[in-house]
Amino acid sequence: MDPFYFLDISVDDEDDVTVYPDGSWELTTVTFNSKKYKRAKFDNNNKTFYFYEDDSNVDIFKMKIEAA
């Protein structure tokens, strides 16, 4: 199962997923929130998503889990 299964992410190349031992992962060429990105990265230690349009433009999202 892909580590990003719970997100509404479209990946151009399903085989281009790098998963690290700490649970972090990286993807290339994805679409998220109707926006195309060259690269996406999840830092499992900080629970932070980084979506890169290019080297200088990055959208950052922090995961927050709340009790129901």
C-alpha atoms as a PDB file:
ATOM      1  CA  MET A   1       0.000   0.000   0.000  1.00  0.00           C
ATOM      2  CA  ASP A   2       1.276   3.453  -0.882  1.00  0.00           C
ATOM      3  CA  PRO A   3       2.221   5.528   2.173  1.00  0.00           C
ATOM      4  CA  PHE A   4       0.126   8.435   0.886  1.00  0.00           C
ATOM      5  CA  TYR A   5      -3.079   6.391   0.410  1.00  0.00           C
ATOM      6  CA  PHE A   6      -5.070   8.673   2.733  1.00  0.00           C
ATOM      7  CA  LEU A   7      -4.367  11.819   0.664  1.00  0.00           C
ATOM      8  CA  ASP A   8      -6.039  12.918  -2.540  1.00  0.00           C
ATOM      9  CA  ILE A   9      -2.780  12.812  -4.511  1.00  0.00           C
ATOM     10  CA  SER A  10      -2.480  11.878  -8.156  1.00  0.00           C
ATOM     11  CA  VAL A  11       0.954  10.481  -9.036  1.00  0.00           C
ATOM     12  CA  ASP A  12       2.198  10.493 -12.632  1.00  0.00           C
ATOM     13  CA  ASP A  13       4.525   7.513 -12.088  1.00  0.00           C
ATOM     14  CA  GLU A  14       3.369   5.078  -9.386  1.00  0.00           C
ATOM     15  CA  ASP A  15       6.833   3.467  -9.365  1.00  0.00           C
ATOM     16  CA  ASP A  16       8.560   6.739  -8.481  1.00  0.00           C
ATOM     17  CA  VAL A  17       8.007   6.519  -4.727  1.00  0.00           C
ATOM     18  CA  THR A  18      10.877   6.504  -2.249  1.00  0.00           C
ATOM     19  CA  VAL A  19      10.048   5.341   1.279  1.00  0.00           C
ATOM     20  CA  TYR A  20      12.589   5.796   4.070  1.00  0.00           C
ATOM     21  CA  PRO A  21      13.020   3.622   7.195  1.00  0.00           C
ATOM     22  CA  ASP A  22      11.643   6.360   9.489  1.00  0.00           C
ATOM     23  CA  GLY A  23       8.328   6.418   7.564  1.00  0.00           C
ATOM     24  CA  SER A  24       9.141   9.529   5.546  1.00  0.00           C
ATOM     25  CA  TRP A  25       8.589   9.393   1.784  1.00  0.00           C
ATOM     26  CA  GLU A  26       9.175  11.273  -1.461  1.00  0.00           C
ATOM     27  CA  LEU A  27       7.301  11.404  -4.783  1.00  0.00           C
ATOM     28  CA  THR A  28       7.947  13.109  -8.088  1.00  0.00           C
ATOM     29  CA  THR A  29       5.425  14.816 -10.372  1.00  0.00           C
ATOM     30  CA  VAL A  30       2.209  14.817  -8.357  1.00  0.00           C
ATOM     31  CA  THR A  31      -1.078  16.690  -8.354  1.00  0.00           C
ATOM     32  CA  PHE A  32      -2.508  17.762  -4.998  1.00  0.00           C
ATOM     33  CA  ASN A  33      -5.330  20.250  -4.357  1.00  0.00           C
ATOM     34  CA  SER A  34      -5.681  20.647  -8.157  1.00  0.00           C
ATOM     35  CA  LYS A  35      -2.104  21.917  -8.383  1.00  0.00           C
ATOM     36  CA  LYS A  36       0.783  20.183 -10.171  1.00  0.00           C
ATOM     37  CA  TYR A  37       4.087  19.800  -8.302  1.00  0.00           C
ATOM     38  CA  LYS A  38       7.493  18.547  -9.415  1.00  0.00           C
ATOM     39  CA  ARG A  39       8.123  16.833  -6.081  1.00  0.00           C
ATOM     40  CA  ALA A  40       6.354  16.013  -2.833  1.00  0.00           C
ATOM     41  CA  LYS A  41       8.003  15.029   0.421  1.00  0.00           C
ATOM     42  CA  PHE A  42       6.601  13.906   3.784  1.00  0.00           C
ATOM     43  CA  ASP A  43       8.778  14.292   6.878  1.00  0.00           C
ATOM     44  CA  ASN A  44       7.404  11.675   9.268  1.00  0.00           C
ATOM     45  CA  ASN A  45       9.425  13.011  12.214  1.00  0.00           C
ATOM     46  CA  ASN A  46       7.756  16.436  12.037  1.00  0.00           C
ATOM     47  CA  LYS A  47       4.524  15.262  10.326  1.00  0.00           C
ATOM     48  CA  THR A  48       5.036  17.893   7.624  1.00  0.00           C
ATOM     49  CA  PHE A  49       4.307  17.750   3.888  1.00  0.00           C
ATOM     50  CA  TYR A  50       6.383  19.727   1.386  1.00  0.00           C
ATOM     51  CA  PHE A  51       5.062  20.225  -2.154  1.00  0.00           C
ATOM     52  CA  TYR A  52       7.636  21.736  -4.529  1.00  0.00           C
ATOM     53  CA  GLU A  53       6.642  23.614  -7.689  1.00  0.00           C
ATOM     54  CA  ASP A  54      10.356  24.272  -8.229  1.00  0.00           C
ATOM     55  CA  ASP A  55      13.397  24.878  -6.012  1.00  0.00           C
ATOM     56  CA  SER A  56      12.183  28.256  -4.759  1.00  0.00           C
ATOM     57  CA  ASN A  57       8.401  27.684  -4.521  1.00  0.00           C
ATOM     58  CA  VAL A  58       7.197  25.222  -1.894  1.00  0.00           C
ATOM     59  CA  ASP A  59       3.798  24.737  -0.236  1.00  0.00           C
ATOM     60  CA  ILE A  60       4.069  23.368   3.302  1.00  0.00           C
ATOM     61  CA  PHE A  61       1.317  21.556   5.200  1.00  0.00           C
ATOM     62  CA  LYS A  62       1.506  20.320   8.792  1.00  0.00           C
ATOM     63  CA  MET A  63      -0.482  17.217   9.737  1.00  0.00           C
ATOM     64  CA  LYS A  64      -2.802  17.666  12.699  1.00  0.00           C
ATOM     65  CA  ILE A  65      -4.790  14.839  14.269  1.00  0.00           C
ATOM     66  CA  GLU A  66      -7.628  15.726  16.603  1.00  0.00           C
ATOM     67  CA  ALA A  67      -9.762  13.557  18.841  1.00  0.00           C
ATOM     68  CA  ALA A  68     -13.201  12.870  17.417  1.00  0.00           C
END
